[in-house]
Amino acid sequence: MRDRLLAVAVAVIWGCNFVAIHYGLADVPPFLFLAIRFVLVAFPLVLFVPRPAASWQAVVGIGLFMSCGQFGLLYLAMSIGMPAGLASLVLQAQVVFTVLIAWLALGERAAGRQLVGVVVGTVGLVVVAVGFGADASVVPLLVTVGGALSWAIGNVLARAAKVASGLSLVVWSALVVPLPCLAVSLVVDGPDEIGRALGDFGWAAVASTAYTVVGASLVGYTIFNSLVARHPAAAVVPYILLVPPVGLLTAWLVLDEVPSAIELVGAVVMLVGVAVASTGGRRPITPSAEPIAPSAPAAGASGSR
């Protein structure tokens, strides 16, 4: 029950994260904003948190895919027109990708019901794409799908690493993100734009950074990585299905974003497919026999407030 409640808490935290990102991107270029976020995720905690019990290749891979790839593409998509609420939905294609990649890479066999869910979820995503493309360029949506694929690869790498302390994995893998993102920002935005953004770093950017660093990264991913390490990937990711409803509702209330009718139809179809794909043939979450590092319960307690 504790792990179930923690999984729900992560979904709520992440669902609200998209509105926070939206406000931050109003003043700061996406890759610079991401670099700042992960500098603060890593420092000063990296000086106090022990290295995770995993190979450096695993830590780098998780940092590149779960953090740099996922959020780099998400921030880029939102900066070029992807609505916050719809982004919270499309990013959940990671559930379908996670089930497939875990099946292929880790031998976590996918049942026939899961494969049906993959097909249904994909159909729903296509319907969302058609509805979105009718009113705007489909490019932001495709970039978001790329972020979902990157997240799924990171999920499977975290599952394979089996690091009990989610906090150590979050902090140390965050070291991978800032330099590549800053390099991209220097090339794309240029030094003058970076200087302007840092000089105009207002309250919205500060509040957005605080939420994404403390809530989404340190609390959210500490809990999530701990859950993925202790349970099959397909047993954890269904709880993230709560992210789109929270994200869509938050974006509606705060940003007045209202999806079109066809987007809503596609959203329902996609979530049904994702639910089937991520629950078919899986084991329910049960208490783990593995010892949990002290940092994991501490993060969980803060995440449930």
C-alpha atoms as a PDB file:
ATOM      1  CA  MET A   1       0.000   0.000   0.000  1.00  0.00           C
ATOM      2  CA  ARG A   2       2.855   2.386   0.768  1.00  0.00           C
ATOM      3  CA  ASP A   3       4.330   1.892  -2.704  1.00  0.00           C
ATOM      4  CA  ARG A   4       0.925   2.354  -4.337  1.00  0.00           C
ATOM      5  CA  LEU A   5       0.409   5.666  -2.552  1.00  0.00           C
ATOM      6  CA  LEU A   6       3.919   6.792  -3.485  1.00  0.00           C
ATOM      7  CA  ALA A   7       3.223   5.971  -7.141  1.00  0.00           C
ATOM      8  CA  VAL A   8       0.030   8.061  -7.036  1.00  0.00           C
ATOM      9  CA  ALA A   9       1.917  10.952  -5.409  1.00  0.00           C
ATOM     10  CA  VAL A  10       4.495  10.889  -8.210  1.00  0.00           C
ATOM     11  CA  ALA A  11       1.722  11.049 -10.815  1.00  0.00           C
ATOM     12  CA  VAL A  12       0.196  14.146  -9.196  1.00  0.00           C
ATOM     13  CA  ILE A  13       3.574  15.878  -8.877  1.00  0.00           C
ATOM     14  CA  TRP A  14       4.420  15.178 -12.514  1.00  0.00           C
ATOM     15  CA  GLY A  15       0.961  16.152 -13.743  1.00  0.00           C
ATOM     16  CA  CYS A  16       1.376  19.663 -12.322  1.00  0.00           C
ATOM     17  CA  ASN A  17       4.929  19.864 -13.659  1.00  0.00           C
ATOM     18  CA  PHE A  18       3.872  20.727 -17.207  1.00  0.00           C
ATOM     19  CA  VAL A  19       2.276  24.020 -16.193  1.00  0.00           C
ATOM     20  CA  ALA A  20       5.405  24.861 -14.184  1.00  0.00           C
ATOM     21  CA  ILE A  21       7.570  24.199 -17.239  1.00  0.00           C
ATOM     22  CA  HIS A  22       5.256  26.327 -19.397  1.00  0.00           C
ATOM     23  CA  TYR A  23       5.794  29.377 -17.196  1.00  0.00           C
ATOM     24  CA  GLY A  24       9.551  28.885 -17.016  1.00  0.00           C
ATOM     25  CA  LEU A  25       9.919  28.641 -20.783  1.00  0.00           C
ATOM     26  CA  ALA A  26       8.289  32.050 -21.201  1.00  0.00           C
ATOM     27  CA  ASP A  27      11.556  33.753 -20.177  1.00  0.00           C
ATOM     28  CA  VAL A  28      14.317  31.161 -20.684  1.00  0.00           C
ATOM     29  CA  PRO A  29      15.387  29.151 -23.783  1.00  0.00           C
ATOM     30  CA  PRO A  30      14.580  25.438 -23.368  1.00  0.00           C
ATOM     31  CA  PHE A  31      18.064  23.917 -23.234  1.00  0.00           C
ATOM     32  CA  LEU A  32      19.450  26.658 -20.989  1.00  0.00           C
ATOM     33  CA  PHE A  33      16.459  26.184 -18.675  1.00  0.00           C
ATOM     34  CA  LEU A  34      17.116  22.437 -18.587  1.00  0.00           C
ATOM     35  CA  ALA A  35      20.812  22.945 -17.852  1.00  0.00           C
ATOM     36  CA  ILE A  36      19.960  25.231 -14.911  1.00  0.00           C
ATOM     37  CA  ARG A  37      17.425  22.720 -13.599  1.00  0.00           C
ATOM     38  CA  PHE A  38      19.859  19.821 -13.507  1.00  0.00           C
ATOM     39  CA  VAL A  39      22.754  21.832 -12.120  1.00  0.00           C
ATOM     40  CA  LEU A  40      20.498  22.480  -9.114  1.00  0.00           C
ATOM     41  CA  VAL A  41      19.395  18.843  -9.002  1.00  0.00           C
ATOM     42  CA  ALA A  42      23.019  17.703  -8.802  1.00  0.00           C
ATOM     43  CA  PHE A  43      24.553  20.398  -6.601  1.00  0.00           C
ATOM     44  CA  PRO A  44      25.150  20.487  -3.715  1.00  0.00           C
ATOM     45  CA  LEU A  45      23.601  17.043  -3.062  1.00  0.00           C
ATOM     46  CA  VAL A  46      26.235  15.232  -5.133  1.00  0.00           C
ATOM     47  CA  LEU A  47      28.769  16.241  -2.450  1.00  0.00           C
ATOM     48  CA  PHE A  48      26.794  14.401   0.243  1.00  0.00           C
ATOM     49  CA  VAL A  49      24.848  11.593  -1.467  1.00  0.00           C
ATOM     50  CA  PRO A  50      26.867   8.389  -2.047  1.00  0.00           C
ATOM     51  CA  ARG A  51      27.286   7.162  -5.591  1.00  0.00           C
ATOM     52  CA  PRO A  52      24.573   4.704  -6.655  1.00  0.00           C
ATOM     53  CA  ALA A  53      25.386   1.008  -6.587  1.00  0.00           C
ATOM     54  CA  ALA A  54      25.512   0.757 -10.366  1.00  0.00           C
ATOM     55  CA  SER A  55      28.101   0.957 -13.115  1.00  0.00           C
ATOM     56  CA  TRP A  56      29.016   4.375 -14.429  1.00  0.00           C
ATOM     57  CA  GLN A  57      27.743   3.271 -17.836  1.00  0.00           C
ATOM     58  CA  ALA A  58      24.284   2.673 -16.334  1.00  0.00           C
ATOM     59  CA  VAL A  59      24.283   6.027 -14.532  1.00  0.00           C
ATOM     60  CA  VAL A  60      25.346   7.879 -17.682  1.00  0.00           C
ATOM     61  CA  GLY A  61      22.775   6.032 -19.780  1.00  0.00           C
ATOM     62  CA  ILE A  62      19.959   6.849 -17.362  1.00  0.00           C
ATOM     63  CA  GLY A  63      21.051  10.489 -17.280  1.00  0.00           C
ATOM     64  CA  LEU A  64      21.170  10.719 -21.056  1.00  0.00           C
ATOM     65  CA  PHE A  65      17.822   9.053 -21.742  1.00  0.00           C
ATOM     66  CA  MET A  66      15.610   9.619 -18.674  1.00  0.00           C
ATOM     67  CA  SER A  67      16.723  13.198 -18.038  1.00  0.00           C
ATOM     68  CA  CYS A  68      18.583  14.786 -20.955  1.00  0.00           C
ATOM     69  CA  GLY A  69      16.695  13.099 -23.797  1.00  0.00           C
ATOM     70  CA  GLN A  70      13.231  13.118 -22.294  1.00  0.00           C
ATOM     71  CA  PHE A  71      13.247  16.663 -20.968  1.00  0.00           C
ATOM     72  CA  GLY A  72      15.382  18.137 -23.722  1.00  0.00           C
ATOM     73  CA  LEU A  73      12.802  17.031 -26.279  1.00  0.00           C
ATOM     74  CA  LEU A  74       9.843  17.929 -24.036  1.00  0.00           C
ATOM     75  CA  TYR A  75      11.147  21.443 -23.343  1.00  0.00           C
ATOM     76  CA  LEU A  76      11.901  21.910 -27.032  1.00  0.00           C
ATOM     77  CA  ALA A  77       8.415  20.733 -28.019  1.00  0.00           C
ATOM     78  CA  MET A  78       6.711  23.054 -25.533  1.00  0.00           C
ATOM     79  CA  SER A  79       8.861  25.995 -26.630  1.00  0.00           C
ATOM     80  CA  ILE A  80       7.721  25.523 -30.247  1.00  0.00           C
ATOM     81  CA  GLY A  81       4.012  25.178 -29.549  1.00  0.00           C
ATOM     82  CA  MET A  82       3.141  21.963 -27.704  1.00  0.00           C
ATOM     83  CA  PRO A  83       0.357  22.756 -25.182  1.00  0.00           C
ATOM     84  CA  ALA A  84       1.174  21.816 -21.584  1.00  0.00           C
ATOM     85  CA  GLY A  85      -1.922  19.676 -21.050  1.00  0.00           C
ATOM     86  CA  LEU A  86      -1.561  17.762 -24.303  1.00  0.00           C
ATOM     87  CA  ALA A  87       2.144  17.240 -23.607  1.00  0.00           C
ATOM     88  CA  SER A  88       1.228  15.492 -20.348  1.00  0.00           C
ATOM     89  CA  LEU A  89      -0.872  13.053 -22.384  1.00  0.00           C
ATOM     90  CA  VAL A  90       1.439  12.403 -25.331  1.00  0.00           C
ATOM     91  CA  LEU A  91       4.438  11.838 -23.075  1.00  0.00           C
ATOM     92  CA  GLN A  92       2.605   8.815 -21.656  1.00  0.00           C
ATOM     93  CA  ALA A  93       3.367   6.952 -24.845  1.00  0.00           C
ATOM     94  CA  GLN A  94       6.398   6.040 -22.719  1.00  0.00           C
ATOM     95  CA  VAL A  95       4.204   3.357 -21.098  1.00  0.00           C
ATOM     96  CA  VAL A  96       3.775   1.525 -24.399  1.00  0.00           C
ATOM     97  CA  PHE A  97       7.445   1.986 -25.259  1.00  0.00           C
ATOM     98  CA  THR A  98       8.524   0.792 -21.784  1.00  0.00           C
ATOM     99  CA  VAL A  99       6.488  -2.422 -22.010  1.00  0.00           C
ATOM    100  CA  LEU A 100       7.927  -3.209 -25.454  1.00  0.00           C
ATOM    101  CA  ILE A 101      11.540  -2.358 -24.602  1.00  0.00           C
ATOM    102  CA  ALA A 102      11.394  -4.204 -21.263  1.00  0.00           C
ATOM    103  CA  TRP A 103      10.090  -7.236 -23.140  1.00  0.00           C
ATOM    104  CA  LEU A 104      12.870  -7.106 -25.720  1.00  0.00           C
ATOM    105  CA  ALA A 105      15.766  -6.063 -23.467  1.00  0.00           C
ATOM    106  CA  LEU A 106      14.967  -7.609 -20.081  1.00  0.00           C
ATOM    107  CA  GLY A 107      12.843 -10.587 -21.052  1.00  0.00           C
ATOM    108  CA  GLU A 108       9.818  -9.275 -19.126  1.00  0.00           C
ATOM    109  CA  ARG A 109       7.482 -11.172 -21.398  1.00  0.00           C
ATOM    110  CA  ALA A 110       4.561  -9.220 -22.847  1.00  0.00           C
ATOM    111  CA  ALA A 111       1.229 -11.056 -22.852  1.00  0.00           C
ATOM    112  CA  GLY A 112      -1.154 -11.003 -25.787  1.00  0.00           C
ATOM    113  CA  ARG A 113      -3.339  -8.519 -23.919  1.00  0.00           C
ATOM    114  CA  GLN A 114      -0.381  -6.177 -23.592  1.00  0.00           C
ATOM    115  CA  LEU A 115       0.287  -6.309 -27.323  1.00  0.00           C
ATOM    116  CA  VAL A 116      -3.374  -5.478 -27.991  1.00  0.00           C
ATOM    117  CA  GLY A 117      -2.982  -2.511 -25.648  1.00  0.00           C
ATOM    118  CA  VAL A 118       0.091  -1.370 -27.548  1.00  0.00           C
ATOM    119  CA  VAL A 119      -1.885  -1.361 -30.795  1.00  0.00           C
ATOM    120  CA  VAL A 120      -4.872   0.456 -29.254  1.00  0.00           C
ATOM    121  CA  GLY A 121      -2.615   3.013 -27.567  1.00  0.00           C
ATOM    122  CA  THR A 122      -0.835   3.667 -30.837  1.00  0.00           C
ATOM    123  CA  VAL A 123      -4.154   4.187 -32.623  1.00  0.00           C
ATOM    124  CA  GLY A 124      -5.165   6.695 -29.956  1.00  0.00           C
ATOM    125  CA  LEU A 125      -1.877   8.541 -30.357  1.00  0.00           C
ATOM    126  CA  VAL A 126      -2.433   8.730 -34.118  1.00  0.00           C
ATOM    127  CA  VAL A 127      -5.927  10.178 -33.535  1.00  0.00           C
ATOM    128  CA  VAL A 128      -4.439  12.798 -31.195  1.00  0.00           C
ATOM    129  CA  ALA A 129      -1.858  13.608 -33.853  1.00  0.00           C
ATOM    130  CA  VAL A 130      -4.566  14.046 -36.499  1.00  0.00           C
ATOM    131  CA  GLY A 131      -6.562  16.343 -34.220  1.00  0.00           C
ATOM    132  CA  PHE A 132      -3.501  18.361 -33.254  1.00  0.00           C
ATOM    133  CA  GLY A 133      -2.247  18.565 -36.828  1.00  0.00           C
ATOM    134  CA  ALA A 134      -5.589  19.934 -38.013  1.00  0.00           C
ATOM    135  CA  ASP A 135      -4.950  23.158 -36.101  1.00  0.00           C
ATOM    136  CA  ALA A 136      -1.152  23.406 -35.966  1.00  0.00           C
ATOM    137  CA  SER A 137       2.098  21.846 -37.118  1.00  0.00           C
ATOM    138  CA  VAL A 138       2.481  18.256 -35.972  1.00  0.00           C
ATOM    139  CA  VAL A 139       6.211  18.755 -35.335  1.00  0.00           C
ATOM    140  CA  PRO A 140       5.869  19.636 -31.612  1.00  0.00           C
ATOM    141  CA  LEU A 141       3.824  16.483 -31.087  1.00  0.00           C
ATOM    142  CA  LEU A 142       6.403  14.292 -32.824  1.00  0.00           C
ATOM    143  CA  VAL A 143       9.181  15.836 -30.743  1.00  0.00           C
ATOM    144  CA  THR A 144       7.169  15.002 -27.606  1.00  0.00           C
ATOM    145  CA  VAL A 145       6.814  11.397 -28.781  1.00  0.00           C
ATOM    146  CA  GLY A 146      10.598  11.325 -29.105  1.00  0.00           C
ATOM    147  CA  GLY A 147      10.811  12.447 -25.474  1.00  0.00           C
ATOM    148  CA  ALA A 148       8.467   9.598 -24.494  1.00  0.00           C
ATOM    149  CA  LEU A 149      10.711   7.074 -26.259  1.00  0.00           C
ATOM    150  CA  SER A 150      13.767   8.449 -24.471  1.00  0.00           C
ATOM    151  CA  TRP A 151      11.969   8.212 -21.116  1.00  0.00           C
ATOM    152  CA  ALA A 152      11.053   4.576 -21.818  1.00  0.00           C
ATOM    153  CA  ILE A 153      14.668   3.657 -22.527  1.00  0.00           C
ATOM    154  CA  GLY A 154      15.657   5.350 -19.263  1.00  0.00           C
ATOM    155  CA  ASN A 155      12.964   3.370 -17.410  1.00  0.00           C
ATOM    156  CA  VAL A 156      14.372   0.078 -18.651  1.00  0.00           C
ATOM    157  CA  LEU A 157      17.949   1.099 -17.846  1.00  0.00           C
ATOM    158  CA  ALA A 158      16.856   2.029 -14.295  1.00  0.00           C
ATOM    159  CA  ARG A 159      15.046  -1.288 -13.966  1.00  0.00           C
ATOM    160  CA  ALA A 160      18.141  -3.194 -15.095  1.00  0.00           C
ATOM    161  CA  ALA A 161      20.391  -1.229 -12.720  1.00  0.00           C
ATOM    162  CA  LYS A 162      18.215  -2.160  -9.680  1.00  0.00           C
ATOM    163  CA  VAL A 163      19.526   0.715  -7.557  1.00  0.00           C
ATOM    164  CA  ALA A 164      17.701   0.661  -4.203  1.00  0.00           C
ATOM    165  CA  SER A 165      18.333   4.351  -3.461  1.00  0.00           C
ATOM    166  CA  GLY A 166      16.396   6.387  -5.989  1.00  0.00           C
ATOM    167  CA  LEU A 167      17.875   9.643  -4.662  1.00  0.00           C
ATOM    168  CA  SER A 168      21.466   8.635  -5.428  1.00  0.00           C
ATOM    169  CA  LEU A 169      20.502   7.692  -8.974  1.00  0.00           C
ATOM    170  CA  VAL A 170      18.668  10.988  -9.541  1.00  0.00           C
ATOM    171  CA  VAL A 171      21.497  13.129  -8.198  1.00  0.00           C
ATOM    172  CA  TRP A 172      24.416  11.387  -9.889  1.00  0.00           C
ATOM    173  CA  SER A 173      22.689  10.886 -13.245  1.00  0.00           C
ATOM    174  CA  ALA A 174      21.847  14.622 -13.205  1.00  0.00           C
ATOM    175  CA  LEU A 175      25.555  15.351 -13.703  1.00  0.00           C
ATOM    176  CA  VAL A 176      25.203  14.094 -17.275  1.00  0.00           C
ATOM    177  CA  VAL A 177      22.675  16.753 -18.307  1.00  0.00           C
ATOM    178  CA  PRO A 178      24.019  20.330 -17.866  1.00  0.00           C
ATOM    179  CA  LEU A 179      27.042  20.383 -20.202  1.00  0.00           C
ATOM    180  CA  PRO A 180      25.311  18.875 -23.288  1.00  0.00           C
ATOM    181  CA  CYS A 181      22.288  21.145 -22.801  1.00  0.00           C
ATOM    182  CA  LEU A 182      24.434  24.234 -22.306  1.00  0.00           C
ATOM    183  CA  ALA A 183      26.416  23.362 -25.439  1.00  0.00           C
ATOM    184  CA  VAL A 184      23.194  23.049 -27.458  1.00  0.00           C
ATOM    185  CA  SER A 185      21.950  26.376 -26.064  1.00  0.00           C
ATOM    186  CA  LEU A 186      25.208  28.101 -26.997  1.00  0.00           C
ATOM    187  CA  VAL A 187      24.902  26.851 -30.574  1.00  0.00           C
ATOM    188  CA  VAL A 188      21.153  27.425 -30.995  1.00  0.00           C
ATOM    189  CA  ASP A 189      20.564  30.544 -28.891  1.00  0.00           C
ATOM    190  CA  GLY A 190      24.001  32.165 -28.771  1.00  0.00           C
ATOM    191  CA  PRO A 191      25.838  33.861 -25.886  1.00  0.00           C
ATOM    192  CA  ASP A 192      23.833  37.091 -26.179  1.00  0.00           C
ATOM    193  CA  GLU A 193      20.480  35.353 -25.741  1.00  0.00           C
ATOM    194  CA  ILE A 194      21.840  33.302 -22.835  1.00  0.00           C
ATOM    195  CA  GLY A 195      23.048  36.492 -21.146  1.00  0.00           C
ATOM    196  CA  ARG A 196      19.699  38.185 -21.693  1.00  0.00           C
ATOM    197  CA  ALA A 197      17.792  35.201 -20.289  1.00  0.00           C
ATOM    198  CA  LEU A 198      19.959  35.022 -17.182  1.00  0.00           C
ATOM    199  CA  GLY A 199      19.619  38.779 -16.651  1.00  0.00           C
ATOM    200  CA  ASP A 200      15.826  38.613 -16.989  1.00  0.00           C
ATOM    201  CA  PHE A 201      15.418  35.487 -14.842  1.00  0.00           C
ATOM    202  CA  GLY A 202      12.175  36.564 -13.179  1.00  0.00           C
ATOM    203  CA  TRP A 203       9.920  35.180 -10.473  1.00  0.00           C
ATOM    204  CA  ALA A 204       8.095  32.838 -12.857  1.00  0.00           C
ATOM    205  CA  ALA A 205      11.373  31.220 -13.920  1.00  0.00           C
ATOM    206  CA  VAL A 206      12.508  30.973 -10.278  1.00  0.00           C
ATOM    207  CA  ALA A 207       9.239  29.350  -9.168  1.00  0.00           C
ATOM    208  CA  SER A 208       9.245  27.002 -12.159  1.00  0.00           C
ATOM    209  CA  THR A 209      12.842  25.995 -11.490  1.00  0.00           C
ATOM    210  CA  ALA A 210      12.107  25.367  -7.814  1.00  0.00           C
ATOM    211  CA  TYR A 211       9.147  23.134  -8.625  1.00  0.00           C
ATOM    212  CA  THR A 212      10.910  21.159 -11.351  1.00  0.00           C
ATOM    213  CA  VAL A 213      14.070  20.695  -9.261  1.00  0.00           C
ATOM    214  CA  VAL A 214      12.567  19.844  -5.871  1.00  0.00           C
ATOM    215  CA  GLY A 215       9.191  18.384  -6.818  1.00  0.00           C
ATOM    216  CA  ALA A 216       9.557  16.733 -10.197  1.00  0.00           C
ATOM    217  CA  SER A 217      13.230  15.703 -10.043  1.00  0.00           C
ATOM    218  CA  LEU A 218      14.385  15.190  -6.454  1.00  0.00           C
ATOM    219  CA  VAL A 219      11.095  13.974  -4.993  1.00  0.00           C
ATOM    220  CA  GLY A 220       9.353  12.548  -8.059  1.00  0.00           C
ATOM    221  CA  TYR A 221      12.243  10.690  -9.657  1.00  0.00           C
ATOM    222  CA  THR A 222      13.681   9.523  -6.329  1.00  0.00           C
ATOM    223  CA  ILE A 223      10.407   7.745  -5.609  1.00  0.00           C
ATOM    224  CA  PHE A 224       9.901   6.571  -9.182  1.00  0.00           C
ATOM    225  CA  ASN A 225      13.402   5.123  -9.602  1.00  0.00           C
ATOM    226  CA  SER A 226      13.079   3.335  -6.253  1.00  0.00           C
ATOM    227  CA  LEU A 227       9.776   1.783  -7.343  1.00  0.00           C
ATOM    228  CA  VAL A 228      11.148   0.714 -10.725  1.00  0.00           C
ATOM    229  CA  ALA A 229      14.161  -0.864  -9.007  1.00  0.00           C
ATOM    230  CA  ARG A 230      11.940  -2.944  -6.693  1.00  0.00           C
ATOM    231  CA  HIS A 231       9.140  -3.937  -9.059  1.00  0.00           C
ATOM    232  CA  PRO A 232       8.710  -5.003 -12.703  1.00  0.00           C
ATOM    233  CA  ALA A 233       8.531  -1.998 -15.004  1.00  0.00           C
ATOM    234  CA  ALA A 234       5.033  -2.964 -16.145  1.00  0.00           C
ATOM    235  CA  ALA A 235       3.839  -2.935 -12.505  1.00  0.00           C
ATOM    236  CA  VAL A 236       4.920   0.663 -11.879  1.00  0.00           C
ATOM    237  CA  VAL A 237       4.129   2.546 -15.074  1.00  0.00           C
ATOM    238  CA  PRO A 238       0.300   2.045 -14.892  1.00  0.00           C
ATOM    239  CA  TYR A 239       0.170   4.490 -11.997  1.00  0.00           C
ATOM    240  CA  ILE A 240       1.643   7.163 -14.238  1.00  0.00           C
ATOM    241  CA  LEU A 241      -1.646   7.015 -16.172  1.00  0.00           C
ATOM    242  CA  LEU A 242      -2.841   9.540 -13.609  1.00  0.00           C
ATOM    243  CA  VAL A 243      -0.424  12.135 -15.019  1.00  0.00           C
ATOM    244  CA  PRO A 244      -2.501  13.102 -18.116  1.00  0.00           C
ATOM    245  CA  PRO A 245      -5.763  13.756 -16.204  1.00  0.00           C
ATOM    246  CA  VAL A 246      -3.865  15.869 -13.660  1.00  0.00           C
ATOM    247  CA  GLY A 247      -1.936  17.644 -16.433  1.00  0.00           C
ATOM    248  CA  LEU A 248      -4.995  18.323 -18.591  1.00  0.00           C
ATOM    249  CA  LEU A 249      -7.031  19.550 -15.607  1.00  0.00           C
ATOM    250  CA  THR A 250      -4.226  21.781 -14.343  1.00  0.00           C
ATOM    251  CA  ALA A 251      -3.630  23.263 -17.803  1.00  0.00           C
ATOM    252  CA  TRP A 252      -7.374  23.892 -18.184  1.00  0.00           C
ATOM    253  CA  LEU A 253      -7.687  25.626 -14.816  1.00  0.00           C
ATOM    254  CA  VAL A 254      -4.439  27.621 -14.958  1.00  0.00           C
ATOM    255  CA  LEU A 255      -3.755  28.172 -18.676  1.00  0.00           C
ATOM    256  CA  ASP A 256      -7.299  27.869 -20.085  1.00  0.00           C
ATOM    257  CA  GLU A 257      -6.180  25.123 -22.482  1.00  0.00           C
ATOM    258  CA  VAL A 258      -9.137  23.161 -23.889  1.00  0.00           C
ATOM    259  CA  PRO A 259      -8.386  20.170 -26.177  1.00  0.00           C
ATOM    260  CA  SER A 260     -10.472  19.738 -29.320  1.00  0.00           C
ATOM    261  CA  ALA A 261     -13.113  17.008 -29.522  1.00  0.00           C
ATOM    262  CA  ILE A 262     -10.943  14.754 -31.698  1.00  0.00           C
ATOM    263  CA  GLU A 263      -7.988  15.221 -29.361  1.00  0.00           C
ATOM    264  CA  LEU A 264     -10.152  14.153 -26.428  1.00  0.00           C
ATOM    265  CA  VAL A 265     -11.361  11.079 -28.325  1.00  0.00           C
ATOM    266  CA  GLY A 266      -7.785  10.168 -29.148  1.00  0.00           C
ATOM    267  CA  ALA A 267      -6.782  10.779 -25.515  1.00  0.00           C
ATOM    268  CA  VAL A 268      -9.416   8.344 -24.257  1.00  0.00           C
ATOM    269  CA  VAL A 269      -8.432   5.683 -26.810  1.00  0.00           C
ATOM    270  CA  MET A 270      -4.751   6.139 -26.042  1.00  0.00           C
ATOM    271  CA  LEU A 271      -5.233   5.889 -22.270  1.00  0.00           C
ATOM    272  CA  VAL A 272      -7.370   2.765 -22.669  1.00  0.00           C
ATOM    273  CA  GLY A 273      -4.652   1.174 -24.779  1.00  0.00           C
ATOM    274  CA  VAL A 274      -1.928   2.221 -22.378  1.00  0.00           C
ATOM    275  CA  ALA A 275      -3.926   0.845 -19.428  1.00  0.00           C
ATOM    276  CA  VAL A 276      -4.374  -2.496 -21.161  1.00  0.00           C
ATOM    277  CA  ALA A 277      -0.734  -2.632 -22.260  1.00  0.00           C
ATOM    278  CA  SER A 278       0.638  -1.868 -18.829  1.00  0.00           C
ATOM    279  CA  THR A 279      -1.669  -4.100 -16.780  1.00  0.00           C
ATOM    280  CA  GLY A 280      -2.021  -7.210 -18.906  1.00  0.00           C
ATOM    281  CA  GLY A 281      -0.080 -10.086 -17.400  1.00  0.00           C
ATOM    282  CA  ARG A 282       1.762  -8.004 -14.817  1.00  0.00           C
ATOM    283  CA  ARG A 283       2.370  -8.691 -11.133  1.00  0.00           C
ATOM    284  CA  PRO A 284       0.735  -6.238  -8.738  1.00  0.00           C
ATOM    285  CA  ILE A 285       2.991  -4.055  -6.636  1.00  0.00           C
ATOM    286  CA  THR A 286       3.864  -5.910  -3.436  1.00  0.00           C
ATOM    287  CA  PRO A 287       6.243  -5.065  -0.593  1.00  0.00           C
ATOM    288  CA  SER A 288       9.831  -5.719  -1.590  1.00  0.00           C
ATOM    289  CA  ALA A 289      12.089  -8.092   0.297  1.00  0.00           C
ATOM    290  CA  GLU A 290      15.091  -5.948  -0.631  1.00  0.00           C
ATOM    291  CA  PRO A 291      16.407  -3.464   1.941  1.00  0.00           C
ATOM    292  CA  ILE A 292      15.648   0.137   1.027  1.00  0.00           C
ATOM    293  CA  ALA A 293      18.224   2.856   1.554  1.00  0.00           C
ATOM    294  CA  PRO A 294      17.227   5.469   4.165  1.00  0.00           C
ATOM    295  CA  SER A 295      16.993   8.196   1.512  1.00  0.00           C
ATOM    296  CA  ALA A 296      14.092   6.523  -0.310  1.00  0.00           C
ATOM    297  CA  PRO A 297      11.546   6.633   2.555  1.00  0.00           C
ATOM    298  CA  ALA A 298      12.601  10.218   3.321  1.00  0.00           C
ATOM    299  CA  ALA A 299      11.891  11.295  -0.247  1.00  0.00           C
ATOM    300  CA  GLY A 300       8.631   9.364  -0.216  1.00  0.00           C
ATOM    301  CA  ALA A 301       7.485  11.136   2.907  1.00  0.00           C
ATOM    302  CA  SER A 302       8.093  14.539   1.386  1.00  0.00           C
ATOM    303  CA  GLY A 303       6.445  13.523  -1.863  1.00  0.00           C
ATOM    304  CA  SER A 304       3.228  12.487  -0.115  1.00  0.00           C
ATOM    305  CA  ARG A 305       2.695  15.869   1.519  1.00  0.00           C
END
